[in-house]
Amino acid sequence: MLLAALRRLGFVLCLAGGLTAAFSALVGLLAGASLTRAVSLGFYLVGSFLLVSGFFIGNRGPARVKSESGTAGPFGMFLGSRTVRWATAAEQEDSINLSAVFVTVGLALVVLGAAVDSRYKLA
């Protein structure tokens, strides 16, 4: 089971790294920046976004919206009537697990960005 989880995590890391590198290289080419600088900035930006997202997903409270079918007022969702319920243990566990994945992938991308960045030498 642990080997399968590591395989899935490796796939997610490769997918996130590959897509980030490809997209940031394309943006870097269009902007006229060097390839290493563009890719390192892409890794920094996406990794930082995932770290912050993981933090907020992990700090989500135990209250969940029971139904969204309430009538919306003139100010949209802020004044509509919604009911709230407590999250189940499975939902709370999902929230923590998703947070851990986001933080792990984000941290890996930031470290990869530091390794690719040509402005600084590592060791």
PDB file of N, CA and C in Angstrom:
ATOM      1  N   MET A   1       0.819  -1.183   0.000  1.00  0.00           N
ATOM      2  CA  MET A   1       0.000   0.000   0.000  1.00  0.00           C
ATOM      3  C   MET A   1       0.869   1.255   0.000  1.00  0.00           C
ATOM      4  N   LEU A   2       1.959   1.238   0.745  1.00  0.00           N
ATOM      5  CA  LEU A   2       2.848   2.395   0.787  1.00  0.00           C
ATOM      6  C   LEU A   2       3.539   2.601  -0.554  1.00  0.00           C
ATOM      7  N   LEU A   3       3.897   1.510  -1.203  1.00  0.00           N
ATOM      8  CA  LEU A   3       4.533   1.607  -2.520  1.00  0.00           C
ATOM      9  C   LEU A   3       3.579   2.210  -3.550  1.00  0.00           C
ATOM     10  N   ALA A   4       2.312   1.829  -3.485  1.00  0.00           N
ATOM     11  CA  ALA A   4       1.319   2.394  -4.406  1.00  0.00           C
ATOM     12  C   ALA A   4       1.116   3.880  -4.140  1.00  0.00           C
ATOM     13  N   ALA A   5       1.120   4.265  -2.873  1.00  0.00           N
ATOM     14  CA  ALA A   5       0.971   5.686  -2.535  1.00  0.00           C
ATOM     15  C   ALA A   5       2.172   6.490  -3.020  1.00  0.00           C
ATOM     16  N   LEU A   6       3.377   5.947  -2.863  1.00  0.00           N
ATOM     17  CA  LEU A   6       4.570   6.639  -3.352  1.00  0.00           C
ATOM     18  C   LEU A   6       4.573   6.739  -4.874  1.00  0.00           C
ATOM     19  N   ARG A   7       4.061   5.712  -5.536  1.00  0.00           N
ATOM     20  CA  ARG A   7       3.960   5.745  -6.996  1.00  0.00           C
ATOM     21  C   ARG A   7       2.991   6.841  -7.441  1.00  0.00           C
ATOM     22  N   ARG A   8       1.848   6.951  -6.763  1.00  0.00           N
ATOM     23  CA  ARG A   8       0.883   8.000  -7.107  1.00  0.00           C
ATOM     24  C   ARG A   8       1.445   9.381  -6.819  1.00  0.00           C
ATOM     25  N   LEU A   9       2.160   9.534  -5.704  1.00  0.00           N
ATOM     26  CA  LEU A   9       2.772  10.821  -5.379  1.00  0.00           C
ATOM     27  C   LEU A   9       3.839  11.181  -6.401  1.00  0.00           C
ATOM     28  N   GLY A  10       4.628  10.212  -6.818  1.00  0.00           N
ATOM     29  CA  GLY A  10       5.629  10.460  -7.854  1.00  0.00           C
ATOM     30  C   GLY A  10       4.995  10.882  -9.166  1.00  0.00           C
ATOM     31  N   PHE A  11       3.872  10.254  -9.511  1.00  0.00           N
ATOM     32  CA  PHE A  11       3.159  10.633 -10.729  1.00  0.00           C
ATOM     33  C   PHE A  11       2.651  12.067 -10.635  1.00  0.00           C
ATOM     34  N   VAL A  12       2.081  12.432  -9.491  1.00  0.00           N
ATOM     35  CA  VAL A  12       1.574  13.798  -9.308  1.00  0.00           C
ATOM     36  C   VAL A  12       2.720  14.801  -9.358  1.00  0.00           C
ATOM     37  N   LEU A  13       3.855  14.469  -8.734  1.00  0.00           N
ATOM     38  CA  LEU A  13       5.015  15.366  -8.769  1.00  0.00           C
ATOM     39  C   LEU A  13       5.539  15.541 -10.190  1.00  0.00           C
ATOM     40  N   CYS A  14       5.648  14.444 -10.933  1.00  0.00           N
ATOM     41  CA  CYS A  14       6.119  14.533 -12.327  1.00  0.00           C
ATOM     42  C   CYS A  14       5.139  15.305 -13.196  1.00  0.00           C
ATOM     43  N   LEU A  15       3.860  15.078 -13.002  1.00  0.00           N
ATOM     44  CA  LEU A  15       2.851  15.783 -13.784  1.00  0.00           C
ATOM     45  C   LEU A  15       2.874  17.278 -13.480  1.00  0.00           C
ATOM     46  N   ALA A  16       2.899  17.630 -12.195  1.00  0.00           N
ATOM     47  CA  ALA A  16       2.923  19.049 -11.824  1.00  0.00           C
ATOM     48  C   ALA A  16       4.209  19.710 -12.301  1.00  0.00           C
ATOM     49  N   GLY A  17       5.334  19.033 -12.137  1.00  0.00           N
ATOM     50  CA  GLY A  17       6.608  19.590 -12.586  1.00  0.00           C
ATOM     51  C   GLY A  17       6.685  19.726 -14.090  1.00  0.00           C
ATOM     52  N   GLY A  18       6.218  18.720 -14.809  1.00  0.00           N
ATOM     53  CA  GLY A  18       6.258  18.763 -16.268  1.00  0.00           C
ATOM     54  C   GLY A  18       5.357  19.832 -16.851  1.00  0.00           C
ATOM     55  N   LEU A  19       4.127  19.908 -16.344  1.00  0.00           N
ATOM     56  CA  LEU A  19       3.209  20.932 -16.842  1.00  0.00           C
ATOM     57  C   LEU A  19       3.694  22.334 -16.500  1.00  0.00           C
ATOM     58  N   THR A  20       4.221  22.499 -15.298  1.00  0.00           N
ATOM     59  CA  THR A  20       4.734  23.808 -14.900  1.00  0.00           C
ATOM     60  C   THR A  20       5.928  24.202 -15.752  1.00  0.00           C
ATOM     61  N   ALA A  21       6.846  23.270 -15.972  1.00  0.00           N
ATOM     62  CA  ALA A  21       8.029  23.571 -16.782  1.00  0.00           C
ATOM     63  C   ALA A  21       7.642  23.904 -18.216  1.00  0.00           C
ATOM     64  N   ALA A  22       6.716  23.147 -18.790  1.00  0.00           N
ATOM     65  CA  ALA A  22       6.312  23.393 -20.177  1.00  0.00           C
ATOM     66  C   ALA A  22       5.616  24.743 -20.321  1.00  0.00           C
ATOM     67  N   PHE A  23       4.685  25.028 -19.435  1.00  0.00           N
ATOM     68  CA  PHE A  23       3.947  26.286 -19.533  1.00  0.00           C
ATOM     69  C   PHE A  23       4.846  27.487 -19.264  1.00  0.00           C
ATOM     70  N   SER A  24       5.705  27.388 -18.252  1.00  0.00           N
ATOM     71  CA  SER A  24       6.576  28.527 -17.943  1.00  0.00           C
ATOM     72  C   SER A  24       7.651  28.712 -19.006  1.00  0.00           C
ATOM     73  N   ALA A  25       8.099  27.634 -19.649  1.00  0.00           N
ATOM     74  CA  ALA A  25       9.047  27.778 -20.759  1.00  0.00           C
ATOM     75  C   ALA A  25       8.386  28.486 -21.932  1.00  0.00           C
ATOM     76  N   LEU A  26       7.130  28.161 -22.195  1.00  0.00           N
ATOM     77  CA  LEU A  26       6.394  28.826 -23.265  1.00  0.00           C
ATOM     78  C   LEU A  26       6.205  30.309 -22.963  1.00  0.00           C
ATOM     79  N   VAL A  27       5.817  30.624 -21.740  1.00  0.00           N
ATOM     80  CA  VAL A  27       5.650  32.027 -21.346  1.00  0.00           C
ATOM     81  C   VAL A  27       6.990  32.745 -21.386  1.00  0.00           C
ATOM     82  N   GLY A  28       8.054  32.076 -20.963  1.00  0.00           N
ATOM     83  CA  GLY A  28       9.385  32.678 -21.003  1.00  0.00           C
ATOM     84  C   GLY A  28       9.847  32.968 -22.417  1.00  0.00           C
ATOM     85  N   LEU A  29       9.547  32.065 -23.340  1.00  0.00           N
ATOM     86  CA  LEU A  29       9.888  32.306 -24.742  1.00  0.00           C
ATOM     87  C   LEU A  29       9.134  33.509 -25.290  1.00  0.00           C
ATOM     88  N   LEU A  30       7.859  33.608 -24.956  1.00  0.00           N
ATOM     89  CA  LEU A  30       7.064  34.736 -25.432  1.00  0.00           C
ATOM     90  C   LEU A  30       7.515  36.050 -24.804  1.00  0.00           C
ATOM     91  N   ALA A  31       7.999  36.000 -23.569  1.00  0.00           N
ATOM     92  CA  ALA A  31       8.443  37.212 -22.881  1.00  0.00           C
ATOM     93  C   ALA A  31       9.894  37.549 -23.183  1.00  0.00           C
ATOM     94  N   GLY A  32      10.624  36.633 -23.786  1.00  0.00           N
ATOM     95  CA  GLY A  32      12.023  36.880 -24.115  1.00  0.00           C
ATOM     96  C   GLY A  32      12.976  36.656 -22.954  1.00  0.00           C
ATOM     97  N   ALA A  33      12.554  35.886 -21.959  1.00  0.00           N
ATOM     98  CA  ALA A  33      13.407  35.603 -20.808  1.00  0.00           C
ATOM     99  C   ALA A  33      14.222  34.341 -21.079  1.00  0.00           C
ATOM    100  N   SER A  34      15.260  34.144 -20.280  1.00  0.00           N
ATOM    101  CA  SER A  34      16.053  32.926 -20.431  1.00  0.00           C
ATOM    102  C   SER A  34      15.236  31.723 -19.960  1.00  0.00           C
ATOM    103  N   LEU A  35      15.552  30.571 -20.501  1.00  0.00           N
ATOM    104  CA  LEU A  35      14.773  29.367 -20.212  1.00  0.00           C
ATOM    105  C   LEU A  35      14.859  28.987 -18.732  1.00  0.00           C
ATOM    106  N   THR A  36      16.062  29.006 -18.164  1.00  0.00           N
ATOM    107  CA  THR A  36      16.205  28.606 -16.758  1.00  0.00           C
ATOM    108  C   THR A  36      15.496  29.582 -15.827  1.00  0.00           C
ATOM    109  N   ARG A  37      15.555  30.857 -16.156  1.00  0.00           N
ATOM    110  CA  ARG A  37      14.884  31.850 -15.315  1.00  0.00           C
ATOM    111  C   ARG A  37      13.371  31.677 -15.387  1.00  0.00           C
ATOM    112  N   ALA A  38      12.847  31.467 -16.581  1.00  0.00           N
ATOM    113  CA  ALA A  38      11.403  31.300 -16.739  1.00  0.00           C
ATOM    114  C   ALA A  38      10.908  30.048 -16.022  1.00  0.00           C
ATOM    115  N   VAL A  39      11.637  28.952 -16.162  1.00  0.00           N
ATOM    116  CA  VAL A  39      11.213  27.703 -15.531  1.00  0.00           C
ATOM    117  C   VAL A  39      11.325  27.803 -14.012  1.00  0.00           C
ATOM    118  N   SER A  40      12.394  28.408 -13.512  1.00  0.00           N
ATOM    119  CA  SER A  40      12.525  28.537 -12.060  1.00  0.00           C
ATOM    120  C   SER A  40      11.431  29.433 -11.486  1.00  0.00           C
ATOM    121  N   LEU A  41      11.098  30.517 -12.177  1.00  0.00           N
ATOM    122  CA  LEU A  41      10.005  31.369 -11.704  1.00  0.00           C
ATOM    123  C   LEU A  41       8.673  30.623 -11.733  1.00  0.00           C
ATOM    124  N   GLY A  42       8.452  29.816 -12.759  1.00  0.00           N
ATOM    125  CA  GLY A  42       7.232  29.017 -12.816  1.00  0.00           C
ATOM    126  C   GLY A  42       7.138  28.046 -11.652  1.00  0.00           C
ATOM    127  N   PHE A  43       8.247  27.377 -11.342  1.00  0.00           N
ATOM    128  CA  PHE A  43       8.255  26.469 -10.194  1.00  0.00           C
ATOM    129  C   PHE A  43       8.002  27.225  -8.893  1.00  0.00           C
ATOM    130  N   TYR A  44       8.625  28.388  -8.736  1.00  0.00           N
ATOM    131  CA  TYR A  44       8.403  29.194  -7.531  1.00  0.00           C
ATOM    132  C   TYR A  44       6.939  29.603  -7.399  1.00  0.00           C
ATOM    133  N   LEU A  45       6.356  30.100  -8.484  1.00  0.00           N
ATOM    134  CA  LEU A  45       4.978  30.595  -8.422  1.00  0.00           C
ATOM    135  C   LEU A  45       3.973  29.481  -8.156  1.00  0.00           C
ATOM    136  N   VAL A  46       4.065  28.400  -8.904  1.00  0.00           N
ATOM    137  CA  VAL A  46       3.111  27.301  -8.724  1.00  0.00           C
ATOM    138  C   VAL A  46       3.325  26.629  -7.366  1.00  0.00           C
ATOM    139  N   GLY A  47       4.581  26.448  -6.973  1.00  0.00           N
ATOM    140  CA  GLY A  47       4.858  25.855  -5.668  1.00  0.00           C
ATOM    141  C   GLY A  47       4.343  26.704  -4.524  1.00  0.00           C
ATOM    142  N   SER A  48       4.534  28.010  -4.612  1.00  0.00           N
ATOM    143  CA  SER A  48       4.031  28.908  -3.567  1.00  0.00           C
ATOM    144  C   SER A  48       2.511  28.893  -3.514  1.00  0.00           C
ATOM    145  N   PHE A  49       1.885  28.888  -4.688  1.00  0.00           N
ATOM    146  CA  PHE A  49       0.420  28.820  -4.727  1.00  0.00           C
ATOM    147  C   PHE A  49      -0.083  27.533  -4.070  1.00  0.00           C
ATOM    148  N   LEU A  50       0.564  26.409  -4.365  1.00  0.00           N
ATOM    149  CA  LEU A  50       0.140  25.144  -3.771  1.00  0.00           C
ATOM    150  C   LEU A  50       0.384  25.116  -2.264  1.00  0.00           C
ATOM    151  N   LEU A  51       1.480  25.721  -1.809  1.00  0.00           N
ATOM    152  CA  LEU A  51       1.735  25.784  -0.367  1.00  0.00           C
ATOM    153  C   LEU A  51       0.657  26.584   0.352  1.00  0.00           C
ATOM    154  N   VAL A  52       0.315  27.738  -0.183  1.00  0.00           N
ATOM    155  CA  VAL A  52      -0.719  28.569   0.442  1.00  0.00           C
ATOM    156  C   VAL A  52      -2.079  27.878   0.365  1.00  0.00           C
ATOM    157  N   SER A  53      -2.380  27.255  -0.769  1.00  0.00           N
ATOM    158  CA  SER A  53      -3.647  26.527  -0.906  1.00  0.00           C
ATOM    159  C   SER A  53      -3.726  25.376   0.092  1.00  0.00           C
ATOM    160  N   GLY A  54      -2.643  24.646   0.245  1.00  0.00           N
ATOM    161  CA  GLY A  54      -2.619  23.555   1.208  1.00  0.00           C
ATOM    162  C   GLY A  54      -2.822  24.033   2.627  1.00  0.00           C
ATOM    163  N   PHE A  55      -2.257  25.193   2.947  1.00  0.00           N
ATOM    164  CA  PHE A  55      -2.448  25.762   4.282  1.00  0.00           C
ATOM    165  C   PHE A  55      -3.918  26.077   4.528  1.00  0.00           C
ATOM    166  N   PHE A  56      -4.569  26.721   3.566  1.00  0.00           N
ATOM    167  CA  PHE A  56      -5.964  27.095   3.767  1.00  0.00           C
ATOM    168  C   PHE A  56      -6.903  25.893   3.712  1.00  0.00           C
ATOM    169  N   ILE A  57      -6.594  24.907   2.903  1.00  0.00           N
ATOM    170  CA  ILE A  57      -7.422  23.699   2.877  1.00  0.00           C
ATOM    171  C   ILE A  57      -7.306  22.963   4.211  1.00  0.00           C
ATOM    172  N   GLY A  58      -6.100  22.913   4.770  1.00  0.00           N
ATOM    173  CA  GLY A  58      -5.898  22.227   6.043  1.00  0.00           C
ATOM    174  C   GLY A  58      -6.522  22.947   7.220  1.00  0.00           C
ATOM    175  N   ASN A  59      -6.687  24.256   7.117  1.00  0.00           N
ATOM    176  CA  ASN A  59      -7.269  25.036   8.209  1.00  0.00           C
ATOM    177  C   ASN A  59      -8.763  25.261   8.055  1.00  0.00           C
ATOM    178  N   ARG A  60      -9.374  24.546   7.151  1.00  0.00           N
ATOM    179  CA  ARG A  60     -10.814  24.672   6.968  1.00  0.00           C
ATOM    180  C   ARG A  60     -11.512  24.152   8.211  1.00  0.00           C
ATOM    181  N   GLY A  61     -12.502  24.858   8.646  1.00  0.00           N
ATOM    182  CA  GLY A  61     -13.215  24.483   9.858  1.00  0.00           C
ATOM    183  C   GLY A  61     -14.084  23.256   9.673  1.00  0.00           C
ATOM    184  N   PRO A  62     -14.686  22.780  10.756  1.00  0.00           N
ATOM    185  CA  PRO A  62     -15.491  21.562  10.681  1.00  0.00           C
ATOM    186  C   PRO A  62     -16.906  21.785  10.147  1.00  0.00           C
ATOM    187  N   ALA A  63     -17.312  23.026   9.905  1.00  0.00           N
ATOM    188  CA  ALA A  63     -18.664  23.299   9.411  1.00  0.00           C
ATOM    189  C   ALA A  63     -18.694  23.209   7.890  1.00  0.00           C
ATOM    190  N   ARG A  64     -19.743  22.579   7.363  1.00  0.00           N
ATOM    191  CA  ARG A  64     -19.932  22.449   5.923  1.00  0.00           C
ATOM    192  C   ARG A  64     -21.343  22.928   5.583  1.00  0.00           C
ATOM    193  N   VAL A  65     -21.517  23.379   4.364  1.00  0.00           N
ATOM    194  CA  VAL A  65     -22.835  23.806   3.914  1.00  0.00           C
ATOM    195  C   VAL A  65     -23.690  22.569   3.662  1.00  0.00           C
ATOM    196  N   LYS A  66     -24.877  22.558   4.241  1.00  0.00           N
ATOM    197  CA  LYS A  66     -25.763  21.405   4.069  1.00  0.00           C
ATOM    198  C   LYS A  66     -26.431  21.434   2.704  1.00  0.00           C
ATOM    199  N   SER A  67     -26.944  22.587   2.316  1.00  0.00           N
ATOM    200  CA  SER A  67     -27.593  22.688   1.004  1.00  0.00           C
ATOM    201  C   SER A  67     -27.369  24.080   0.442  1.00  0.00           C
ATOM    202  N   GLU A  68     -27.164  24.138  -0.848  1.00  0.00           N
ATOM    203  CA  GLU A  68     -26.965  25.405  -1.546  1.00  0.00           C
ATOM    204  C   GLU A  68     -28.255  25.845  -2.229  1.00  0.00           C
ATOM    205  N   SER A  69     -29.343  25.141  -2.011  1.00  0.00           N
ATOM    206  CA  SER A  69     -30.562  25.398  -2.762  1.00  0.00           C
ATOM    207  C   SER A  69     -31.404  26.522  -2.174  1.00  0.00           C
ATOM    208  N   GLY A  70     -30.872  27.254  -1.226  1.00  0.00           N
ATOM    209  CA  GLY A  70     -31.609  28.373  -0.661  1.00  0.00           C
ATOM    210  C   GLY A  70     -31.795  29.470  -1.688  1.00  0.00           C
ATOM    211  N   THR A  71     -32.785  30.292  -1.474  1.00  0.00           N
ATOM    212  CA  THR A  71     -33.022  31.381  -2.420  1.00  0.00           C
ATOM    213  C   THR A  71     -31.992  32.469  -2.192  1.00  0.00           C
ATOM    214  N   ALA A  72     -31.373  32.877  -3.265  1.00  0.00           N
ATOM    215  CA  ALA A  72     -30.349  33.908  -3.179  1.00  0.00           C
ATOM    216  C   ALA A  72     -31.008  35.274  -3.145  1.00  0.00           C
ATOM    217  N   GLY A  73     -30.499  36.142  -2.309  1.00  0.00           N
ATOM    218  CA  GLY A  73     -31.010  37.500  -2.216  1.00  0.00           C
ATOM    219  C   GLY A  73     -30.405  38.378  -3.290  1.00  0.00           C
ATOM    220  N   PRO A  74     -30.661  39.659  -3.203  1.00  0.00           N
ATOM    221  CA  PRO A  74     -30.127  40.570  -4.221  1.00  0.00           C
ATOM    222  C   PRO A  74     -28.603  40.685  -4.175  1.00  0.00           C
ATOM    223  N   PHE A  75     -27.998  40.296  -3.094  1.00  0.00           N
ATOM    224  CA  PHE A  75     -26.543  40.375  -2.973  1.00  0.00           C
ATOM    225  C   PHE A  75     -25.885  39.009  -3.117  1.00  0.00           C
ATOM    226  N   GLY A  76     -26.558  38.088  -3.768  1.00  0.00           N
ATOM    227  CA  GLY A  76     -25.972  36.793  -4.063  1.00  0.00           C
ATOM    228  C   GLY A  76     -25.889  35.885  -2.861  1.00  0.00           C
ATOM    229  N   MET A  77     -24.753  35.217  -2.732  1.00  0.00           N
ATOM    230  CA  MET A  77     -24.606  34.181  -1.715  1.00  0.00           C
ATOM    231  C   MET A  77     -24.435  34.733  -0.310  1.00  0.00           C
ATOM    232  N   PHE A  78     -24.173  36.019  -0.161  1.00  0.00           N
ATOM    233  CA  PHE A  78     -23.874  36.553   1.165  1.00  0.00           C
ATOM    234  C   PHE A  78     -25.116  36.676   2.043  1.00  0.00           C
ATOM    235  N   LEU A  79     -26.268  36.914   1.458  1.00  0.00           N
ATOM    236  CA  LEU A  79     -27.474  37.085   2.255  1.00  0.00           C
ATOM    237  C   LEU A  79     -28.502  35.989   2.029  1.00  0.00           C
ATOM    238  N   GLY A  80     -28.165  34.969   1.268  1.00  0.00           N
ATOM    239  CA  GLY A  80     -29.081  33.860   1.034  1.00  0.00           C
ATOM    240  C   GLY A  80     -29.207  32.995   2.276  1.00  0.00           C
ATOM    241  N   SER A  81     -30.224  32.156   2.307  1.00  0.00           N
ATOM    242  CA  SER A  81     -30.399  31.289   3.471  1.00  0.00           C
ATOM    243  C   SER A  81     -29.738  29.944   3.200  1.00  0.00           C
ATOM    244  N   ARG A  82     -28.763  29.602   4.011  1.00  0.00           N
ATOM    245  CA  ARG A  82     -28.068  28.320   3.897  1.00  0.00           C
ATOM    246  C   ARG A  82     -28.059  27.662   5.265  1.00  0.00           C
ATOM    247  N   THR A  83     -28.067  26.353   5.260  1.00  0.00           N
ATOM    248  CA  THR A  83     -27.963  25.631   6.518  1.00  0.00           C
ATOM    249  C   THR A  83     -26.582  24.998   6.610  1.00  0.00           C
ATOM    250  N   VAL A  84     -26.101  24.872   7.816  1.00  0.00           N
ATOM    251  CA  VAL A  84     -24.748  24.387   8.063  1.00  0.00           C
ATOM    252  C   VAL A  84     -24.826  23.085   8.850  1.00  0.00           C
ATOM    253  N   ARG A  85     -23.919  22.178   8.545  1.00  0.00           N
ATOM    254  CA  ARG A  85     -23.818  20.907   9.263  1.00  0.00           C
ATOM    255  C   ARG A  85     -22.360  20.682   9.640  1.00  0.00           C
ATOM    256  N   TRP A  86     -22.118  19.752  10.548  1.00  0.00           N
ATOM    257  CA  TRP A  86     -20.754  19.403  10.921  1.00  0.00           C
ATOM    258  C   TRP A  86     -20.206  18.382   9.938  1.00  0.00           C
ATOM    259  N   ALA A  87     -18.952  18.513   9.613  1.00  0.00           N
ATOM    260  CA  ALA A  87     -18.304  17.585   8.685  1.00  0.00           C
ATOM    261  C   ALA A  87     -18.133  16.226   9.349  1.00  0.00           C
ATOM    262  N   THR A  88     -18.230  15.199   8.536  1.00  0.00           N
ATOM    263  CA  THR A  88     -18.002  13.854   9.055  1.00  0.00           C
ATOM    264  C   THR A  88     -16.498  13.643   9.246  1.00  0.00           C
ATOM    265  N   ALA A  89     -16.164  12.578   9.920  1.00  0.00           N
ATOM    266  CA  ALA A  89     -14.744  12.269  10.135  1.00  0.00           C
ATOM    267  C   ALA A  89     -14.035  12.007   8.811  1.00  0.00           C
ATOM    268  N   ALA A  90     -14.730  11.380   7.873  1.00  0.00           N
ATOM    269  CA  ALA A  90     -14.130  11.111   6.556  1.00  0.00           C
ATOM    270  C   ALA A  90     -13.859  12.413   5.801  1.00  0.00           C
ATOM    271  N   GLU A  91     -14.768  13.376   5.898  1.00  0.00           N
ATOM    272  CA  GLU A  91     -14.556  14.667   5.232  1.00  0.00           C
ATOM    273  C   GLU A  91     -13.389  15.428   5.849  1.00  0.00           C
ATOM    274  N   GLN A  92     -13.274  15.374   7.158  1.00  0.00           N
ATOM    275  CA  GLN A  92     -12.152  16.037   7.818  1.00  0.00           C
ATOM    276  C   GLN A  92     -10.834  15.359   7.460  1.00  0.00           C
ATOM    277  N   GLU A  93     -10.836  14.040   7.376  1.00  0.00           N
ATOM    278  CA  GLU A  93      -9.630  13.310   6.986  1.00  0.00           C
ATOM    279  C   GLU A  93      -9.245  13.625   5.541  1.00  0.00           C
ATOM    280  N   ASP A  94     -10.233  13.715   4.660  1.00  0.00           N
ATOM    281  CA  ASP A  94      -9.976  14.104   3.269  1.00  0.00           C
ATOM    282  C   ASP A  94      -9.346  15.486   3.194  1.00  0.00           C
ATOM    283  N   SER A  95      -9.841  16.398   4.000  1.00  0.00           N
ATOM    284  CA  SER A  95      -9.310  17.762   4.007  1.00  0.00           C
ATOM    285  C   SER A  95      -7.847  17.780   4.440  1.00  0.00           C
ATOM    286  N   ILE A  96      -7.516  17.028   5.460  1.00  0.00           N
ATOM    287  CA  ILE A  96      -6.131  16.968   5.939  1.00  0.00           C
ATOM    288  C   ILE A  96      -5.236  16.284   4.909  1.00  0.00           C
ATOM    289  N   ASN A  97      -5.717  15.197   4.300  1.00  0.00           N
ATOM    290  CA  ASN A  97      -4.921  14.491   3.292  1.00  0.00           C
ATOM    291  C   ASN A  97      -4.673  15.353   2.068  1.00  0.00           C
ATOM    292  N   LEU A  98      -5.699  16.063   1.609  1.00  0.00           N
ATOM    293  CA  LEU A  98      -5.535  16.943   0.457  1.00  0.00           C
ATOM    294  C   LEU A  98      -4.561  18.069   0.779  1.00  0.00           C
ATOM    295  N   SER A  99      -4.642  18.577   1.988  1.00  0.00           N
ATOM    296  CA  SER A  99      -3.706  19.610   2.419  1.00  0.00           C
ATOM    297  C   SER A  99      -2.276  19.089   2.406  1.00  0.00           C
ATOM    298  N   ALA A 100      -2.073  17.880   2.871  1.00  0.00           N
ATOM    299  CA  ALA A 100      -0.726  17.298   2.892  1.00  0.00           C
ATOM    300  C   ALA A 100      -0.179  17.114   1.483  1.00  0.00           C
ATOM    301  N   VAL A 101      -1.024  16.701   0.551  1.00  0.00           N
ATOM    302  CA  VAL A 101      -0.580  16.536  -0.840  1.00  0.00           C
ATOM    303  C   VAL A 101      -0.210  17.887  -1.437  1.00  0.00           C
ATOM    304  N   PHE A 102      -1.051  18.896  -1.234  1.00  0.00           N
ATOM    305  CA  PHE A 102      -0.762  20.226  -1.775  1.00  0.00           C
ATOM    306  C   PHE A 102       0.544  20.778  -1.211  1.00  0.00           C
ATOM    307  N   VAL A 103       0.748  20.649   0.094  1.00  0.00           N
ATOM    308  CA  VAL A 103       1.964  21.178   0.714  1.00  0.00           C
ATOM    309  C   VAL A 103       3.190  20.409   0.226  1.00  0.00           C
ATOM    310  N   THR A 104       3.091  19.099   0.102  1.00  0.00           N
ATOM    311  CA  THR A 104       4.221  18.292  -0.363  1.00  0.00           C
ATOM    312  C   THR A 104       4.604  18.637  -1.795  1.00  0.00           C
ATOM    313  N   VAL A 105       3.622  18.702  -2.679  1.00  0.00           N
ATOM    314  CA  VAL A 105       3.906  19.030  -4.077  1.00  0.00           C
ATOM    315  C   VAL A 105       4.407  20.466  -4.187  1.00  0.00           C
ATOM    316  N   GLY A 106       3.815  21.377  -3.432  1.00  0.00           N
ATOM    317  CA  GLY A 106       4.270  22.768  -3.462  1.00  0.00           C
ATOM    318  C   GLY A 106       5.695  22.920  -2.984  1.00  0.00           C
ATOM    319  N   LEU A 107       6.037  22.250  -1.900  1.00  0.00           N
ATOM    320  CA  LEU A 107       7.402  22.320  -1.386  1.00  0.00           C
ATOM    321  C   LEU A 107       8.389  21.705  -2.369  1.00  0.00           C
ATOM    322  N   ALA A 108       8.002  20.601  -2.995  1.00  0.00           N
ATOM    323  CA  ALA A 108       8.880  19.974  -3.989  1.00  0.00           C
ATOM    324  C   ALA A 108       9.111  20.901  -5.177  1.00  0.00           C
ATOM    325  N   LEU A 109       8.083  21.615  -5.614  1.00  0.00           N
ATOM    326  CA  LEU A 109       8.246  22.535  -6.738  1.00  0.00           C
ATOM    327  C   LEU A 109       9.122  23.728  -6.369  1.00  0.00           C
ATOM    328  N   VAL A 110       8.997  24.231  -5.154  1.00  0.00           N
ATOM    329  CA  VAL A 110       9.855  25.341  -4.726  1.00  0.00           C
ATOM    330  C   VAL A 110      11.311  24.883  -4.659  1.00  0.00           C
ATOM    331  N   VAL A 111      11.560  23.694  -4.139  1.00  0.00           N
ATOM    332  CA  VAL A 111      12.927  23.160  -4.090  1.00  0.00           C
ATOM    333  C   VAL A 111      13.455  22.930  -5.502  1.00  0.00           C
ATOM    334  N   LEU A 112      12.616  22.424  -6.386  1.00  0.00           N
ATOM    335  CA  LEU A 112      13.016  22.234  -7.778  1.00  0.00           C
ATOM    336  C   LEU A 112      13.317  23.571  -8.448  1.00  0.00           C
ATOM    337  N   GLY A 113      12.536  24.582  -8.130  1.00  0.00           N
ATOM    338  CA  GLY A 113      12.805  25.916  -8.659  1.00  0.00           C
ATOM    339  C   GLY A 113      14.134  26.461  -8.180  1.00  0.00           C
ATOM    340  N   ALA A 114      14.466  26.214  -6.921  1.00  0.00           N
ATOM    341  CA  ALA A 114      15.762  26.658  -6.399  1.00  0.00           C
ATOM    342  C   ALA A 114      16.903  25.899  -7.061  1.00  0.00           C
ATOM    343  N   ALA A 115      16.677  24.632  -7.377  1.00  0.00           N
ATOM    344  CA  ALA A 115      17.724  23.847  -8.038  1.00  0.00           C
ATOM    345  C   ALA A 115      17.931  24.278  -9.485  1.00  0.00           C
ATOM    346  N   VAL A 116      16.874  24.703 -10.152  1.00  0.00           N
ATOM    347  CA  VAL A 116      16.960  25.101 -11.556  1.00  0.00           C
ATOM    348  C   VAL A 116      17.453  26.538 -11.706  1.00  0.00           C
ATOM    349  N   ASP A 117      17.226  27.369 -10.698  1.00  0.00           N
ATOM    350  CA  ASP A 117      17.561  28.794 -10.780  1.00  0.00           C
ATOM    351  C   ASP A 117      19.056  28.979 -11.017  1.00  0.00           C
ATOM    352  N   SER A 118      19.388  29.655 -12.099  1.00  0.00           N
ATOM    353  CA  SER A 118      20.797  29.816 -12.476  1.00  0.00           C
ATOM    354  C   SER A 118      21.468  30.990 -11.772  1.00  0.00           C
ATOM    355  N   ARG A 119      20.714  31.777 -11.034  1.00  0.00           N
ATOM    356  CA  ARG A 119      21.316  32.921 -10.340  1.00  0.00           C
ATOM    357  C   ARG A 119      22.111  32.493  -9.115  1.00  0.00           C
ATOM    358  N   TYR A 120      21.780  31.350  -8.562  1.00  0.00           N
ATOM    359  CA  TYR A 120      22.429  30.887  -7.342  1.00  0.00           C
ATOM    360  C   TYR A 120      23.025  29.506  -7.561  1.00  0.00           C
ATOM    361  N   LYS A 121      24.147  29.251  -6.941  1.00  0.00           N
ATOM    362  CA  LYS A 121      24.785  27.935  -6.995  1.00  0.00           C
ATOM    363  C   LYS A 121      24.484  27.190  -5.702  1.00  0.00           C
ATOM    364  N   LEU A 122      24.095  25.939  -5.839  1.00  0.00           N
ATOM    365  CA  LEU A 122      23.843  25.103  -4.670  1.00  0.00           C
ATOM    366  C   LEU A 122      25.098  24.303  -4.362  1.00  0.00           C
ATOM    367  N   ALA A 123      25.806  24.696  -3.352  1.00  0.00           N
ATOM    368  CA  ALA A 123      27.027  24.032  -2.889  1.00  0.00           C
ATOM    369  C   ALA A 123      28.164  24.257  -3.764  1.00  0.00           C
TER     370      ALA A 123
END
